[in-house]
Amino acid sequence: MKVFINKNPFELAEGATLADAVAAIAATPPFAAAVNLQFVPNTQYALHLLQAQDRIDIISPVTGG
């Protein structure tokens, strides 16, 4: 199924979870994730099933001043 991760199209298997999407881009902590603009706690990544056309944002914190 086609999803969008940080606005880029990705093909994931049917039944993929948010954990699969995080693995697809090899995200390294720390980061936060949202699906369709809704924050998902990291304890729920493996349980959060994705749907075709979902928009996933994986955001790393920015430091500096």
N, C-alpha and C. Protein backbone atom coordinates (compact mmCIF):
# COMPACT_ATOMS: atom_id res chain seq x y z
N MET A 1 0.85 -1.17 0.00
CA MET A 1 0.00 0.00 0.00
C MET A 1 0.89 1.23 0.00
N LYS A 2 0.38 2.29 -0.57
CA LYS A 2 1.14 3.53 -0.66
C LYS A 2 0.81 4.44 0.52
N VAL A 3 1.87 4.89 1.20
CA VAL A 3 1.75 5.88 2.27
C VAL A 3 2.75 6.98 1.98
N PHE A 4 2.65 8.05 2.74
CA PHE A 4 3.59 9.16 2.59
C PHE A 4 4.31 9.35 3.92
N ILE A 5 5.63 9.28 3.87
CA ILE A 5 6.45 9.49 5.06
C ILE A 5 7.25 10.76 4.83
N ASN A 6 7.00 11.75 5.67
CA ASN A 6 7.62 13.07 5.51
C ASN A 6 7.45 13.59 4.08
N LYS A 7 6.23 13.43 3.58
CA LYS A 7 5.79 13.91 2.26
C LYS A 7 6.34 13.11 1.09
N ASN A 8 7.10 12.03 1.35
CA ASN A 8 7.64 11.20 0.28
C ASN A 8 6.84 9.90 0.19
N PRO A 9 6.50 9.47 -1.03
CA PRO A 9 5.73 8.23 -1.16
C PRO A 9 6.58 7.00 -0.84
N PHE A 10 5.97 6.06 -0.14
CA PHE A 10 6.60 4.78 0.18
C PHE A 10 5.59 3.68 -0.03
N GLU A 11 6.07 2.51 -0.43
CA GLU A 11 5.22 1.33 -0.54
C GLU A 11 5.50 0.45 0.67
N LEU A 12 4.47 0.16 1.43
CA LEU A 12 4.57 -0.74 2.57
C LEU A 12 3.59 -1.88 2.36
N ALA A 13 3.86 -3.00 3.00
CA ALA A 13 2.98 -4.16 2.89
C ALA A 13 1.63 -3.87 3.55
N GLU A 14 0.59 -4.52 3.04
CA GLU A 14 -0.72 -4.42 3.69
C GLU A 14 -0.56 -4.88 5.13
N GLY A 15 -1.22 -4.21 6.04
CA GLY A 15 -1.12 -4.56 7.45
C GLY A 15 0.10 -3.98 8.14
N ALA A 16 0.81 -3.08 7.46
CA ALA A 16 1.99 -2.46 8.04
C ALA A 16 1.60 -1.57 9.22
N THR A 17 2.53 -1.43 10.15
CA THR A 17 2.32 -0.60 11.32
C THR A 17 3.22 0.63 11.24
N LEU A 18 3.00 1.53 12.17
CA LEU A 18 3.86 2.71 12.25
C LEU A 18 5.31 2.28 12.50
N ALA A 19 5.53 1.23 13.24
CA ALA A 19 6.89 0.72 13.46
C ALA A 19 7.54 0.33 12.13
N ASP A 20 6.77 -0.24 11.20
CA ASP A 20 7.29 -0.59 9.88
C ASP A 20 7.68 0.66 9.11
N ALA A 21 6.90 1.72 9.22
CA ALA A 21 7.20 2.97 8.53
C ALA A 21 8.48 3.59 9.09
N VAL A 22 8.63 3.56 10.41
CA VAL A 22 9.84 4.08 11.04
C VAL A 22 11.06 3.29 10.55
N ALA A 23 10.93 1.99 10.47
CA ALA A 23 12.03 1.14 9.99
C ALA A 23 12.33 1.41 8.52
N ALA A 24 11.31 1.73 7.73
CA ALA A 24 11.51 1.96 6.29
C ALA A 24 12.42 3.14 6.02
N ILE A 25 12.44 4.12 6.91
CA ILE A 25 13.33 5.27 6.69
C ILE A 25 14.53 5.24 7.63
N ALA A 26 14.66 4.15 8.40
CA ALA A 26 15.78 3.97 9.33
C ALA A 26 15.93 5.17 10.27
N ALA A 27 14.82 5.61 10.82
CA ALA A 27 14.85 6.74 11.75
C ALA A 27 15.61 6.35 13.02
N THR A 28 16.43 7.27 13.49
CA THR A 28 17.18 7.03 14.72
C THR A 28 16.68 7.99 15.80
N PRO A 29 16.49 7.46 17.01
CA PRO A 29 16.00 8.31 18.11
C PRO A 29 16.98 9.42 18.42
N PRO A 30 16.50 10.51 18.95
CA PRO A 30 15.12 10.76 19.35
C PRO A 30 14.28 11.31 18.20
N PHE A 31 13.03 10.95 18.18
CA PHE A 31 12.09 11.49 17.20
C PHE A 31 10.68 11.30 17.72
N ALA A 32 9.75 12.01 17.13
CA ALA A 32 8.32 11.85 17.42
C ALA A 32 7.64 11.49 16.11
N ALA A 33 6.50 10.83 16.21
CA ALA A 33 5.78 10.43 15.00
C ALA A 33 4.30 10.79 15.11
N ALA A 34 3.75 11.15 13.97
CA ALA A 34 2.32 11.45 13.87
C ALA A 34 1.78 10.81 12.61
N VAL A 35 0.55 10.37 12.67
CA VAL A 35 -0.15 9.81 11.51
C VAL A 35 -1.36 10.69 11.26
N ASN A 36 -1.41 11.25 10.07
CA ASN A 36 -2.51 12.16 9.72
C ASN A 36 -2.67 13.27 10.76
N LEU A 37 -1.53 13.83 11.16
CA LEU A 37 -1.43 14.95 12.09
C LEU A 37 -1.79 14.60 13.53
N GLN A 38 -1.96 13.31 13.83
CA GLN A 38 -2.26 12.88 15.20
C GLN A 38 -1.03 12.20 15.80
N PHE A 39 -0.49 12.78 16.90
CA PHE A 39 0.67 12.21 17.58
C PHE A 39 0.38 10.78 18.02
N VAL A 40 1.38 9.92 17.85
CA VAL A 40 1.28 8.52 18.30
C VAL A 40 2.43 8.28 19.28
N PRO A 41 2.13 7.87 20.53
CA PRO A 41 3.19 7.58 21.49
C PRO A 41 4.07 6.43 20.99
N ASN A 42 5.36 6.48 21.30
CA ASN A 42 6.26 5.45 20.78
C ASN A 42 5.90 4.05 21.29
N THR A 43 5.20 3.96 22.40
CA THR A 43 4.76 2.65 22.89
C THR A 43 3.67 2.04 22.02
N GLN A 44 3.10 2.84 21.12
CA GLN A 44 2.00 2.37 20.27
C GLN A 44 2.41 2.12 18.81
N TYR A 45 3.67 2.39 18.47
CA TYR A 45 4.11 2.26 17.07
C TYR A 45 3.81 0.88 16.50
N ALA A 46 4.11 -0.18 17.24
CA ALA A 46 3.92 -1.54 16.73
C ALA A 46 2.44 -1.93 16.67
N LEU A 47 1.59 -1.20 17.36
CA LEU A 47 0.16 -1.51 17.39
C LEU A 47 -0.66 -0.65 16.43
N HIS A 48 -0.07 0.46 15.98
CA HIS A 48 -0.81 1.42 15.15
C HIS A 48 -0.80 0.96 13.68
N LEU A 49 -1.90 0.39 13.24
CA LEU A 49 -2.01 -0.07 11.85
C LEU A 49 -2.17 1.11 10.91
N LEU A 50 -1.49 1.03 9.79
CA LEU A 50 -1.57 2.09 8.79
C LEU A 50 -2.58 1.72 7.71
N GLN A 51 -3.09 2.75 7.06
CA GLN A 51 -4.02 2.59 5.95
C GLN A 51 -3.39 3.22 4.71
N ALA A 52 -3.81 2.77 3.54
CA ALA A 52 -3.33 3.37 2.29
C ALA A 52 -3.58 4.87 2.32
N GLN A 53 -2.63 5.62 1.83
CA GLN A 53 -2.67 7.08 1.74
C GLN A 53 -2.45 7.80 3.07
N ASP A 54 -2.13 7.06 4.15
CA ASP A 54 -1.82 7.74 5.41
C ASP A 54 -0.62 8.66 5.22
N ARG A 55 -0.63 9.74 5.96
CA ARG A 55 0.48 10.70 5.94
C ARG A 55 1.18 10.64 7.29
N ILE A 56 2.43 10.20 7.24
CA ILE A 56 3.22 9.97 8.44
C ILE A 56 4.30 11.03 8.53
N ASP A 57 4.39 11.68 9.66
CA ASP A 57 5.45 12.67 9.90
C ASP A 57 6.34 12.12 11.00
N ILE A 58 7.64 12.03 10.71
CA ILE A 58 8.63 11.61 11.69
C ILE A 58 9.56 12.80 11.87
N ILE A 59 9.55 13.35 13.08
CA ILE A 59 10.19 14.63 13.34
C ILE A 59 11.25 14.47 14.41
N SER A 60 12.47 14.93 14.11
CA SER A 60 13.56 14.93 15.09
C SER A 60 13.65 16.30 15.74
N PRO A 61 14.04 16.34 17.01
CA PRO A 61 14.16 17.64 17.66
C PRO A 61 15.34 18.43 17.08
N VAL A 62 15.22 19.74 17.15
CA VAL A 62 16.27 20.64 16.67
C VAL A 62 16.81 21.37 17.87
N THR A 63 18.13 21.40 17.99
CA THR A 63 18.73 22.13 19.10
C THR A 63 19.53 23.30 18.56
N GLY A 64 19.85 24.20 19.43
CA GLY A 64 20.62 25.35 19.01
C GLY A 64 20.00 26.63 19.56
N GLY A 65 20.59 27.71 19.16
CA GLY A 65 20.04 28.92 19.72
C GLY A 65 20.32 30.15 18.93
